[in-house]
Amino acid sequence: MPELAEVEYMRRRWNPGIGHLVATVRLHPRAGVFKACDATELARWLPGARLESSAAAAKQMVFRLTAADAARTPLWLGVHLGMTGELTVRPAGLPDKKAEHLILDQPEARQSLVFSDFRMFGQVQFHAGAEAPGWWAGIAPAVTSVEFTVEAVAEFLRRRARAPLKAVLLMQERFPGIGNWMADEILWRAALHPARRCGELTPAEIKKLHRETVWVAAQALRLIGEADPSTPQWPDPPDDWLFQHRWAEGGRCPRTKKPLERATIGGRTTCWSPARQKLSR
């Protein structure tokens, strides 16, 4: 599933649509991606609206539009990619395909903005009004923000003292946008075993976990999120990251050069370096 950097990369694919009007909306109203909103509301509000801006947070993105009504009502179009969702821009006038569940036609720009999702694990959300909807306003502060402090992380870990670190790093209410591969990367860099109980960490280890979380998120946003969105796929991190070795047959730790291990921890497949990330018994 795309994590915060991949979501930022994908959001930028619709940037060519900013400043242009949406003339028509094509959608599959009974598609599963509309389970969190009324597709008929999209079809009613979006024609004639102008796309003003966009933003990404955690694993979600929002596109802000201004409606064509007299009040110029602010519109909020949310997209969660799920596992197979994708945003693309293509020339105007082409027919829609089966997995293309939402198409915003912008004939003045000779283009269409397309959200496709062949497995329909993604989600479209919608809100009309000046106030940010709860599904957007309720996202936790980014791990690269000033609100993401060592103290906040320490308190969060304290309240989940018996839980394994890997499971807690995936909790979006404190680590928004962190998913499976980023959690493994953070723990590997911090030299913390993914099965360590949160309550066992020392203050120095909590500081290290905080530091590596911020670093991995910032570097992923730089390497992946800022990559050219017109390319077919976002780039992978460099070879000195765990990412490049975690699924390789006979994969070895980029630092110790010793074998990696994999197991299910916290309900997710996890990779770590036993030589680097030791678990005391």
C-alpha atoms as a PDB file:
ATOM      1  CA  MET A   1       0.000   0.000   0.000  1.00  0.00           C
ATOM      2  CA  PRO A   2       1.412   3.455  -0.867  1.00  0.00           C
ATOM      3  CA  GLU A   3       2.865   5.285   2.121  1.00  0.00           C
ATOM      4  CA  LEU A   4       3.312   9.013   2.683  1.00  0.00           C
ATOM      5  CA  ALA A   5       6.025   9.578   0.045  1.00  0.00           C
ATOM      6  CA  GLU A   6       4.243   7.563  -2.670  1.00  0.00           C
ATOM      7  CA  VAL A   7       1.001   9.403  -1.900  1.00  0.00           C
ATOM      8  CA  GLU A   8       2.794  12.741  -2.352  1.00  0.00           C
ATOM      9  CA  TYR A   9       4.245  11.515  -5.667  1.00  0.00           C
ATOM     10  CA  MET A  10       0.815  10.384  -6.902  1.00  0.00           C
ATOM     11  CA  ARG A  11      -0.925  13.594  -5.757  1.00  0.00           C
ATOM     12  CA  ARG A  12       1.365  15.649  -7.952  1.00  0.00           C
ATOM     13  CA  ARG A  13       0.191  13.767 -11.027  1.00  0.00           C
ATOM     14  CA  TRP A  14      -2.984  15.848 -11.005  1.00  0.00           C
ATOM     15  CA  ASN A  15      -1.073  19.147 -10.731  1.00  0.00           C
ATOM     16  CA  PRO A  16      -1.653  19.932 -14.443  1.00  0.00           C
ATOM     17  CA  GLY A  17      -5.337  20.247 -13.581  1.00  0.00           C
ATOM     18  CA  ILE A  18      -4.869  23.097 -11.086  1.00  0.00           C
ATOM     19  CA  GLY A  19      -6.386  26.337 -12.323  1.00  0.00           C
ATOM     20  CA  HIS A  20      -8.680  24.629 -14.839  1.00  0.00           C
ATOM     21  CA  LEU A  21     -12.428  24.036 -14.829  1.00  0.00           C
ATOM     22  CA  VAL A  22     -14.015  20.610 -14.593  1.00  0.00           C
ATOM     23  CA  ALA A  23     -16.537  20.524 -17.431  1.00  0.00           C
ATOM     24  CA  THR A  24     -17.950  17.036 -16.929  1.00  0.00           C
ATOM     25  CA  VAL A  25     -17.658  14.217 -14.411  1.00  0.00           C
ATOM     26  CA  ARG A  26     -17.718  10.559 -15.344  1.00  0.00           C
ATOM     27  CA  LEU A  27     -17.989   7.960 -12.603  1.00  0.00           C
ATOM     28  CA  HIS A  28     -19.200   4.487 -11.717  1.00  0.00           C
ATOM     29  CA  PRO A  29     -21.655   5.335  -8.910  1.00  0.00           C
ATOM     30  CA  ARG A  30     -21.915   1.781  -7.572  1.00  0.00           C
ATOM     31  CA  ALA A  31     -18.158   1.200  -7.450  1.00  0.00           C
ATOM     32  CA  GLY A  32     -16.723   0.287  -4.069  1.00  0.00           C
ATOM     33  CA  VAL A  33     -14.449   3.339  -4.046  1.00  0.00           C
ATOM     34  CA  PHE A  34     -17.530   5.498  -3.329  1.00  0.00           C
ATOM     35  CA  LYS A  35     -18.545   3.636  -0.186  1.00  0.00           C
ATOM     36  CA  ALA A  36     -17.592   6.651   1.985  1.00  0.00           C
ATOM     37  CA  CYS A  37     -19.461   9.288  -0.052  1.00  0.00           C
ATOM     38  CA  ASP A  38     -22.499   9.856  -2.233  1.00  0.00           C
ATOM     39  CA  ALA A  39     -21.388   9.628  -5.854  1.00  0.00           C
ATOM     40  CA  THR A  40     -24.448  11.601  -6.942  1.00  0.00           C
ATOM     41  CA  GLU A  41     -23.165  14.558  -4.904  1.00  0.00           C
ATOM     42  CA  LEU A  42     -19.927  14.467  -6.866  1.00  0.00           C
ATOM     43  CA  ALA A  43     -21.865  14.448 -10.114  1.00  0.00           C
ATOM     44  CA  ARG A  44     -23.947  17.413  -8.903  1.00  0.00           C
ATOM     45  CA  TRP A  45     -21.207  19.647  -7.475  1.00  0.00           C
ATOM     46  CA  LEU A  46     -18.098  19.081  -9.580  1.00  0.00           C
ATOM     47  CA  PRO A  47     -19.226  20.120 -13.105  1.00  0.00           C
ATOM     48  CA  GLY A  48     -18.195  23.744 -13.591  1.00  0.00           C
ATOM     49  CA  ALA A  49     -15.924  23.729 -10.513  1.00  0.00           C
ATOM     50  CA  ARG A  50     -12.344  24.964 -10.730  1.00  0.00           C
ATOM     51  CA  LEU A  51      -9.494  22.929  -9.247  1.00  0.00           C
ATOM     52  CA  GLU A  52      -7.631  25.326  -6.952  1.00  0.00           C
ATOM     53  CA  SER A  53      -5.025  23.302  -5.029  1.00  0.00           C
ATOM     54  CA  SER A  54      -4.116  19.948  -3.557  1.00  0.00           C
ATOM     55  CA  ALA A  55      -2.337  18.526  -0.537  1.00  0.00           C
ATOM     56  CA  ALA A  56      -1.220  15.163   0.847  1.00  0.00           C
ATOM     57  CA  ALA A  57      -1.174  14.020   4.465  1.00  0.00           C
ATOM     58  CA  ALA A  58      -0.470  10.565   5.861  1.00  0.00           C
ATOM     59  CA  LYS A  59      -1.883   8.111   3.298  1.00  0.00           C
ATOM     60  CA  GLN A  60      -4.532  10.508   2.000  1.00  0.00           C
ATOM     61  CA  MET A  61      -4.756  13.406  -0.402  1.00  0.00           C
ATOM     62  CA  VAL A  62      -7.256  16.190  -0.929  1.00  0.00           C
ATOM     63  CA  PHE A  63      -8.107  18.282  -3.984  1.00  0.00           C
ATOM     64  CA  ARG A  64      -9.731  21.635  -3.256  1.00  0.00           C
ATOM     65  CA  LEU A  65     -12.109  23.098  -5.794  1.00  0.00           C
ATOM     66  CA  THR A  66     -14.427  26.105  -6.032  1.00  0.00           C
ATOM     67  CA  ALA A  67     -17.983  25.319  -7.123  1.00  0.00           C
ATOM     68  CA  ALA A  68     -19.751  27.132  -9.934  1.00  0.00           C
ATOM     69  CA  ASP A  69     -22.664  28.249  -7.721  1.00  0.00           C
ATOM     70  CA  ALA A  70     -23.226  31.880  -6.733  1.00  0.00           C
ATOM     71  CA  ALA A  71     -21.663  31.320  -3.305  1.00  0.00           C
ATOM     72  CA  ARG A  72     -18.530  29.775  -4.854  1.00  0.00           C
ATOM     73  CA  THR A  73     -18.777  26.971  -2.337  1.00  0.00           C
ATOM     74  CA  PRO A  74     -15.446  25.336  -1.402  1.00  0.00           C
ATOM     75  CA  LEU A  75     -15.336  21.668  -2.356  1.00  0.00           C
ATOM     76  CA  TRP A  76     -13.113  18.983  -0.863  1.00  0.00           C
ATOM     77  CA  LEU A  77     -12.381  15.877  -2.936  1.00  0.00           C
ATOM     78  CA  GLY A  78     -10.456  13.246  -0.981  1.00  0.00           C
ATOM     79  CA  VAL A  79      -8.650  10.250  -2.455  1.00  0.00           C
ATOM     80  CA  HIS A  80      -7.159   7.254  -0.651  1.00  0.00           C
ATOM     81  CA  LEU A  81      -5.254   5.017  -3.066  1.00  0.00           C
ATOM     82  CA  GLY A  82      -5.677   1.747  -1.184  1.00  0.00           C
ATOM     83  CA  MET A  83      -3.438  -0.952  -2.666  1.00  0.00           C
ATOM     84  CA  THR A  84      -3.962  -0.444  -6.397  1.00  0.00           C
ATOM     85  CA  GLY A  85      -5.316   3.093  -6.807  1.00  0.00           C
ATOM     86  CA  GLU A  86      -3.647   5.416  -9.299  1.00  0.00           C
ATOM     87  CA  LEU A  87      -4.051   8.986 -10.526  1.00  0.00           C
ATOM     88  CA  THR A  88      -3.235   9.849 -14.110  1.00  0.00           C
ATOM     89  CA  VAL A  89      -3.734  12.676 -16.608  1.00  0.00           C
ATOM     90  CA  ARG A  90      -4.559  11.809 -20.190  1.00  0.00           C
ATOM     91  CA  PRO A  91      -5.696  13.596 -23.353  1.00  0.00           C
ATOM     92  CA  ALA A  92      -9.350  14.663 -23.371  1.00  0.00           C
ATOM     93  CA  GLY A  93     -11.981  12.756 -25.286  1.00  0.00           C
ATOM     94  CA  LEU A  94     -10.875   9.199 -24.627  1.00  0.00           C
ATOM     95  CA  PRO A  95     -13.523   6.701 -23.439  1.00  0.00           C
ATOM     96  CA  ASP A  96     -13.359   5.471 -19.876  1.00  0.00           C
ATOM     97  CA  LYS A  97     -12.207   1.987 -18.974  1.00  0.00           C
ATOM     98  CA  LYS A  98     -13.683  -0.491 -16.508  1.00  0.00           C
ATOM     99  CA  ALA A  99     -11.306   0.283 -13.619  1.00  0.00           C
ATOM    100  CA  GLU A 100     -11.499   4.067 -14.105  1.00  0.00           C
ATOM    101  CA  HIS A 101     -14.059   4.991 -11.474  1.00  0.00           C
ATOM    102  CA  LEU A 102     -13.735   8.788 -11.473  1.00  0.00           C
ATOM    103  CA  ILE A 103     -12.833  11.012 -14.444  1.00  0.00           C
ATOM    104  CA  LEU A 104     -12.798  14.810 -14.333  1.00  0.00           C
ATOM    105  CA  ASP A 105     -12.845  16.190 -17.877  1.00  0.00           C
ATOM    106  CA  GLN A 106     -11.073  19.522 -18.448  1.00  0.00           C
ATOM    107  CA  PRO A 107     -11.575  20.231 -22.175  1.00  0.00           C
ATOM    108  CA  GLU A 108     -10.120  23.759 -21.968  1.00  0.00           C
ATOM    109  CA  ALA A 109      -6.838  22.120 -20.935  1.00  0.00           C
ATOM    110  CA  ARG A 110      -7.422  19.265 -23.397  1.00  0.00           C
ATOM    111  CA  GLN A 111      -7.077  16.710 -20.631  1.00  0.00           C
ATOM    112  CA  SER A 112      -8.897  14.449 -18.186  1.00  0.00           C
ATOM    113  CA  LEU A 113      -7.948  13.671 -14.587  1.00  0.00           C
ATOM    114  CA  VAL A 114      -8.454   9.972 -13.900  1.00  0.00           C
ATOM    115  CA  PHE A 115      -8.666   7.925 -10.691  1.00  0.00           C
ATOM    116  CA  SER A 116      -8.474   4.196 -11.400  1.00  0.00           C
ATOM    117  CA  ASP A 117      -8.449   1.267  -8.999  1.00  0.00           C
ATOM    118  CA  PHE A 118      -8.927  -2.215 -10.416  1.00  0.00           C
ATOM    119  CA  ARG A 119      -9.199  -3.919  -6.999  1.00  0.00           C
ATOM    120  CA  MET A 120     -11.291  -1.104  -5.480  1.00  0.00           C
ATOM    121  CA  PHE A 121      -9.527  -1.019  -2.108  1.00  0.00           C
ATOM    122  CA  GLY A 122      -9.172   2.747  -2.505  1.00  0.00           C
ATOM    123  CA  GLN A 123     -11.698   5.351  -1.472  1.00  0.00           C
ATOM    124  CA  VAL A 124     -13.143   8.649  -2.664  1.00  0.00           C
ATOM    125  CA  GLN A 125     -14.485  11.151  -0.135  1.00  0.00           C
ATOM    126  CA  PHE A 126     -16.311  14.426  -0.689  1.00  0.00           C
ATOM    127  CA  HIS A 127     -17.428  17.483   1.237  1.00  0.00           C
ATOM    128  CA  ALA A 128     -19.001  20.804   0.253  1.00  0.00           C
ATOM    129  CA  GLY A 129     -18.437  23.701   2.651  1.00  0.00           C
ATOM    130  CA  ALA A 130     -15.861  26.132   3.984  1.00  0.00           C
ATOM    131  CA  GLU A 131     -14.803  24.050   6.999  1.00  0.00           C
ATOM    132  CA  ALA A 132     -12.382  21.185   6.440  1.00  0.00           C
ATOM    133  CA  PRO A 133     -14.200  17.841   6.750  1.00  0.00           C
ATOM    134  CA  GLY A 134     -13.402  15.545   9.642  1.00  0.00           C
ATOM    135  CA  TRP A 135     -11.759  12.954   7.417  1.00  0.00           C
ATOM    136  CA  TRP A 136      -9.135  15.577   6.537  1.00  0.00           C
ATOM    137  CA  ALA A 137      -8.949  17.780   9.635  1.00  0.00           C
ATOM    138  CA  GLY A 138      -8.647  14.723  11.888  1.00  0.00           C
ATOM    139  CA  ILE A 139      -5.371  13.455  10.419  1.00  0.00           C
ATOM    140  CA  ALA A 140      -2.598  13.404  13.030  1.00  0.00           C
ATOM    141  CA  PRO A 141       0.309  15.888  12.750  1.00  0.00           C
ATOM    142  CA  ALA A 142       2.915  14.803  10.204  1.00  0.00           C
ATOM    143  CA  VAL A 143       6.014  13.046  11.489  1.00  0.00           C
ATOM    144  CA  THR A 144       8.061  15.814   9.859  1.00  0.00           C
ATOM    145  CA  SER A 145       6.169  18.565  11.712  1.00  0.00           C
ATOM    146  CA  VAL A 146       7.153  20.428  14.884  1.00  0.00           C
ATOM    147  CA  GLU A 147       4.222  18.775  16.687  1.00  0.00           C
ATOM    148  CA  PHE A 148       5.893  15.383  16.304  1.00  0.00           C
ATOM    149  CA  THR A 149       8.106  15.621  19.369  1.00  0.00           C
ATOM    150  CA  VAL A 150      10.202  13.162  21.335  1.00  0.00           C
ATOM    151  CA  GLU A 151       7.860  13.720  24.285  1.00  0.00           C
ATOM    152  CA  ALA A 152       4.781  12.895  22.210  1.00  0.00           C
ATOM    153  CA  VAL A 153       6.389   9.694  20.945  1.00  0.00           C
ATOM    154  CA  ALA A 154       7.515   8.704  24.444  1.00  0.00           C
ATOM    155  CA  GLU A 155       4.005   9.152  25.829  1.00  0.00           C
ATOM    156  CA  PHE A 156       2.482   7.171  22.978  1.00  0.00           C
ATOM    157  CA  LEU A 157       4.918   4.308  23.556  1.00  0.00           C
ATOM    158  CA  ARG A 158       4.316   4.415  27.319  1.00  0.00           C
ATOM    159  CA  ARG A 159       0.577   3.864  26.840  1.00  0.00           C
ATOM    160  CA  ARG A 160       1.343   0.842  24.646  1.00  0.00           C
ATOM    161  CA  ALA A 161       4.115  -0.612  26.774  1.00  0.00           C
ATOM    162  CA  ARG A 162       3.309  -4.260  26.016  1.00  0.00           C
ATOM    163  CA  ALA A 163       2.899  -3.857  22.247  1.00  0.00           C
ATOM    164  CA  PRO A 164       5.729  -4.672  19.789  1.00  0.00           C
ATOM    165  CA  LEU A 165       7.428  -1.698  18.193  1.00  0.00           C
ATOM    166  CA  LYS A 166       6.520  -2.755  14.657  1.00  0.00           C
ATOM    167  CA  ALA A 167       2.811  -2.758  15.411  1.00  0.00           C
ATOM    168  CA  VAL A 168       2.936   0.653  17.113  1.00  0.00           C
ATOM    169  CA  LEU A 169       4.857   2.303  14.268  1.00  0.00           C
ATOM    170  CA  LEU A 170       1.938   1.423  11.990  1.00  0.00           C
ATOM    171  CA  MET A 171      -0.608   3.245  14.182  1.00  0.00           C
ATOM    172  CA  GLN A 172      -1.746   6.207  12.117  1.00  0.00           C
ATOM    173  CA  GLU A 173      -2.919   8.272  15.073  1.00  0.00           C
ATOM    174  CA  ARG A 174       0.752   8.965  15.971  1.00  0.00           C
ATOM    175  CA  PHE A 175       2.760   7.871  12.904  1.00  0.00           C
ATOM    176  CA  PRO A 176       0.574   9.054  10.001  1.00  0.00           C
ATOM    177  CA  GLY A 177       1.708   7.805   6.618  1.00  0.00           C
ATOM    178  CA  ILE A 178       4.133   5.235   8.007  1.00  0.00           C
ATOM    179  CA  GLY A 179       3.471   1.814   6.526  1.00  0.00           C
ATOM    180  CA  ASN A 180       5.172  -1.549   6.375  1.00  0.00           C
ATOM    181  CA  TRP A 181       8.361  -0.779   4.479  1.00  0.00           C
ATOM    182  CA  MET A 182       8.973   2.555   6.205  1.00  0.00           C
ATOM    183  CA  ALA A 183       8.496   0.996   9.653  1.00  0.00           C
ATOM    184  CA  ASP A 184      11.074  -1.681   8.827  1.00  0.00           C
ATOM    185  CA  GLU A 185      13.452   0.991   7.531  1.00  0.00           C
ATOM    186  CA  ILE A 186      13.078   3.127  10.662  1.00  0.00           C
ATOM    187  CA  LEU A 187      13.662   0.232  13.062  1.00  0.00           C
ATOM    188  CA  TRP A 188      16.651  -1.018  11.079  1.00  0.00           C
ATOM    189  CA  ARG A 189      18.293   2.406  11.131  1.00  0.00           C
ATOM    190  CA  ALA A 190      17.530   2.811  14.838  1.00  0.00           C
ATOM    191  CA  ALA A 191      18.973  -0.693  15.509  1.00  0.00           C
ATOM    192  CA  LEU A 192      15.768  -1.693  17.316  1.00  0.00           C
ATOM    193  CA  HIS A 193      14.252  -5.142  16.964  1.00  0.00           C
ATOM    194  CA  PRO A 194      10.670  -4.963  15.646  1.00  0.00           C
ATOM    195  CA  ALA A 195       9.451  -7.330  18.376  1.00  0.00           C
ATOM    196  CA  ARG A 196      10.815  -5.178  21.222  1.00  0.00           C
ATOM    197  CA  ARG A 197       8.079  -4.130  23.638  1.00  0.00           C
ATOM    198  CA  CYS A 198       7.520  -0.403  23.668  1.00  0.00           C
ATOM    199  CA  GLY A 199       7.836  -0.240  27.419  1.00  0.00           C
ATOM    200  CA  GLU A 200      11.381  -1.644  27.269  1.00  0.00           C
ATOM    201  CA  LEU A 201      12.899   1.294  25.405  1.00  0.00           C
ATOM    202  CA  THR A 202      15.306   3.584  27.198  1.00  0.00           C
ATOM    203  CA  PRO A 203      15.051   7.381  26.818  1.00  0.00           C
ATOM    204  CA  ALA A 204      18.072   7.262  24.497  1.00  0.00           C
ATOM    205  CA  GLU A 205      16.408   4.620  22.309  1.00  0.00           C
ATOM    206  CA  ILE A 206      13.192   6.651  22.135  1.00  0.00           C
ATOM    207  CA  LYS A 207      15.189   9.658  20.946  1.00  0.00           C
ATOM    208  CA  LYS A 208      16.855   7.489  18.320  1.00  0.00           C
ATOM    209  CA  LEU A 209      13.476   6.112  17.170  1.00  0.00           C
ATOM    210  CA  HIS A 210      12.101   9.642  16.895  1.00  0.00           C
ATOM    211  CA  ARG A 211      15.158  10.862  14.985  1.00  0.00           C
ATOM    212  CA  GLU A 212      15.111   8.008  12.484  1.00  0.00           C
ATOM    213  CA  THR A 213      11.359   8.315  11.950  1.00  0.00           C
ATOM    214  CA  VAL A 214      11.754  11.966  10.990  1.00  0.00           C
ATOM    215  CA  TRP A 215      14.822  11.233   8.840  1.00  0.00           C
ATOM    216  CA  VAL A 216      13.281   8.337   6.900  1.00  0.00           C
ATOM    217  CA  ALA A 217      10.070  10.289   6.274  1.00  0.00           C
ATOM    218  CA  ALA A 218      11.931  13.411   5.117  1.00  0.00           C
ATOM    219  CA  GLN A 219      14.286  11.479   2.848  1.00  0.00           C
ATOM    220  CA  ALA A 220      11.473   9.390   1.377  1.00  0.00           C
ATOM    221  CA  LEU A 221       9.555  12.571   0.580  1.00  0.00           C
ATOM    222  CA  ARG A 222      12.666  14.011  -1.072  1.00  0.00           C
ATOM    223  CA  LEU A 223      13.597  10.904  -3.055  1.00  0.00           C
ATOM    224  CA  ILE A 224      10.132   9.639  -3.954  1.00  0.00           C
ATOM    225  CA  GLY A 225       7.596  12.377  -3.248  1.00  0.00           C
ATOM    226  CA  GLU A 226       9.491  15.018  -5.232  1.00  0.00           C
ATOM    227  CA  ALA A 227      10.278  12.740  -8.189  1.00  0.00           C
ATOM    228  CA  ASP A 228       8.910  13.559 -11.633  1.00  0.00           C
ATOM    229  CA  PRO A 229       5.224  12.521 -11.436  1.00  0.00           C
ATOM    230  CA  SER A 230       5.004  12.037 -15.197  1.00  0.00           C
ATOM    231  CA  THR A 231       7.191   8.928 -14.962  1.00  0.00           C
ATOM    232  CA  PRO A 232       5.416   5.543 -15.027  1.00  0.00           C
ATOM    233  CA  GLN A 233       6.412   4.667 -11.444  1.00  0.00           C
ATOM    234  CA  TRP A 234       7.969   6.363  -8.444  1.00  0.00           C
ATOM    235  CA  PRO A 235      11.683   5.611  -7.875  1.00  0.00           C
ATOM    236  CA  ASP A 236      12.971   3.284  -5.186  1.00  0.00           C
ATOM    237  CA  PRO A 237      15.310   4.435  -2.389  1.00  0.00           C
ATOM    238  CA  PRO A 238      19.067   3.900  -2.929  1.00  0.00           C
ATOM    239  CA  ASP A 239      20.936   0.644  -2.415  1.00  0.00           C
ATOM    240  CA  ASP A 240      22.161   1.521   1.088  1.00  0.00           C
ATOM    241  CA  TRP A 241      18.579   1.423   2.396  1.00  0.00           C
ATOM    242  CA  LEU A 242      17.087  -1.756   3.852  1.00  0.00           C
ATOM    243  CA  PHE A 243      14.269  -1.319   1.322  1.00  0.00           C
ATOM    244  CA  GLN A 244      16.441  -2.646  -1.514  1.00  0.00           C
ATOM    245  CA  HIS A 245      17.275  -5.887   0.319  1.00  0.00           C
ATOM    246  CA  ARG A 246      14.266  -6.733   2.481  1.00  0.00           C
ATOM    247  CA  TRP A 247      12.554  -8.997  -0.079  1.00  0.00           C
ATOM    248  CA  ALA A 248      15.602 -10.194  -2.007  1.00  0.00           C
ATOM    249  CA  GLU A 249      16.235 -13.938  -1.980  1.00  0.00           C
ATOM    250  CA  GLY A 250      19.164 -14.388   0.384  1.00  0.00           C
ATOM    251  CA  GLY A 251      19.034 -10.688   1.216  1.00  0.00           C
ATOM    252  CA  ARG A 252      21.780  -9.297   3.431  1.00  0.00           C
ATOM    253  CA  CYS A 253      21.951  -6.295   5.709  1.00  0.00           C
ATOM    254  CA  PRO A 254      23.480  -3.332   3.850  1.00  0.00           C
ATOM    255  CA  ARG A 255      25.596  -2.501   6.915  1.00  0.00           C
ATOM    256  CA  THR A 256      26.607  -5.790   8.555  1.00  0.00           C
ATOM    257  CA  LYS A 257      26.491  -7.818   5.301  1.00  0.00           C
ATOM    258  CA  LYS A 258      24.899 -10.633   7.303  1.00  0.00           C
ATOM    259  CA  PRO A 259      21.598 -12.395   6.462  1.00  0.00           C
ATOM    260  CA  LEU A 260      18.265 -10.708   7.061  1.00  0.00           C
ATOM    261  CA  GLU A 261      15.322 -12.440   8.706  1.00  0.00           C
ATOM    262  CA  ARG A 262      11.578 -12.206   8.111  1.00  0.00           C
ATOM    263  CA  ALA A 263       8.580 -13.067  10.238  1.00  0.00           C
ATOM    264  CA  THR A 264       5.078 -11.840  10.980  1.00  0.00           C
ATOM    265  CA  ILE A 265       5.188  -9.290  13.806  1.00  0.00           C
ATOM    266  CA  GLY A 266       2.218  -7.198  14.820  1.00  0.00           C
ATOM    267  CA  GLY A 267       0.197  -8.855  12.074  1.00  0.00           C
ATOM    268  CA  ARG A 268       2.541  -7.708   9.288  1.00  0.00           C
ATOM    269  CA  THR A 269       5.375  -9.354   7.412  1.00  0.00           C
ATOM    270  CA  THR A 270       8.536  -7.839   8.851  1.00  0.00           C
ATOM    271  CA  CYS A 271      12.205  -7.820   7.875  1.00  0.00           C
ATOM    272  CA  TRP A 272      15.154  -7.059  10.164  1.00  0.00           C
ATOM    273  CA  SER A 273      18.879  -7.615  10.604  1.00  0.00           C
ATOM    274  CA  PRO A 274      19.554  -9.955  13.576  1.00  0.00           C
ATOM    275  CA  ALA A 275      23.191  -8.834  13.676  1.00  0.00           C
ATOM    276  CA  ARG A 276      22.139  -5.225  14.041  1.00  0.00           C
ATOM    277  CA  GLN A 277      18.704  -5.386  15.691  1.00  0.00           C
ATOM    278  CA  LYS A 278      19.154  -7.625  18.707  1.00  0.00           C
ATOM    279  CA  LEU A 279      16.329  -8.905  20.885  1.00  0.00           C
ATOM    280  CA  SER A 280      17.234  -9.590  24.521  1.00  0.00           C
ATOM    281  CA  ARG A 281      15.338 -12.409  26.184  1.00  0.00           C
END
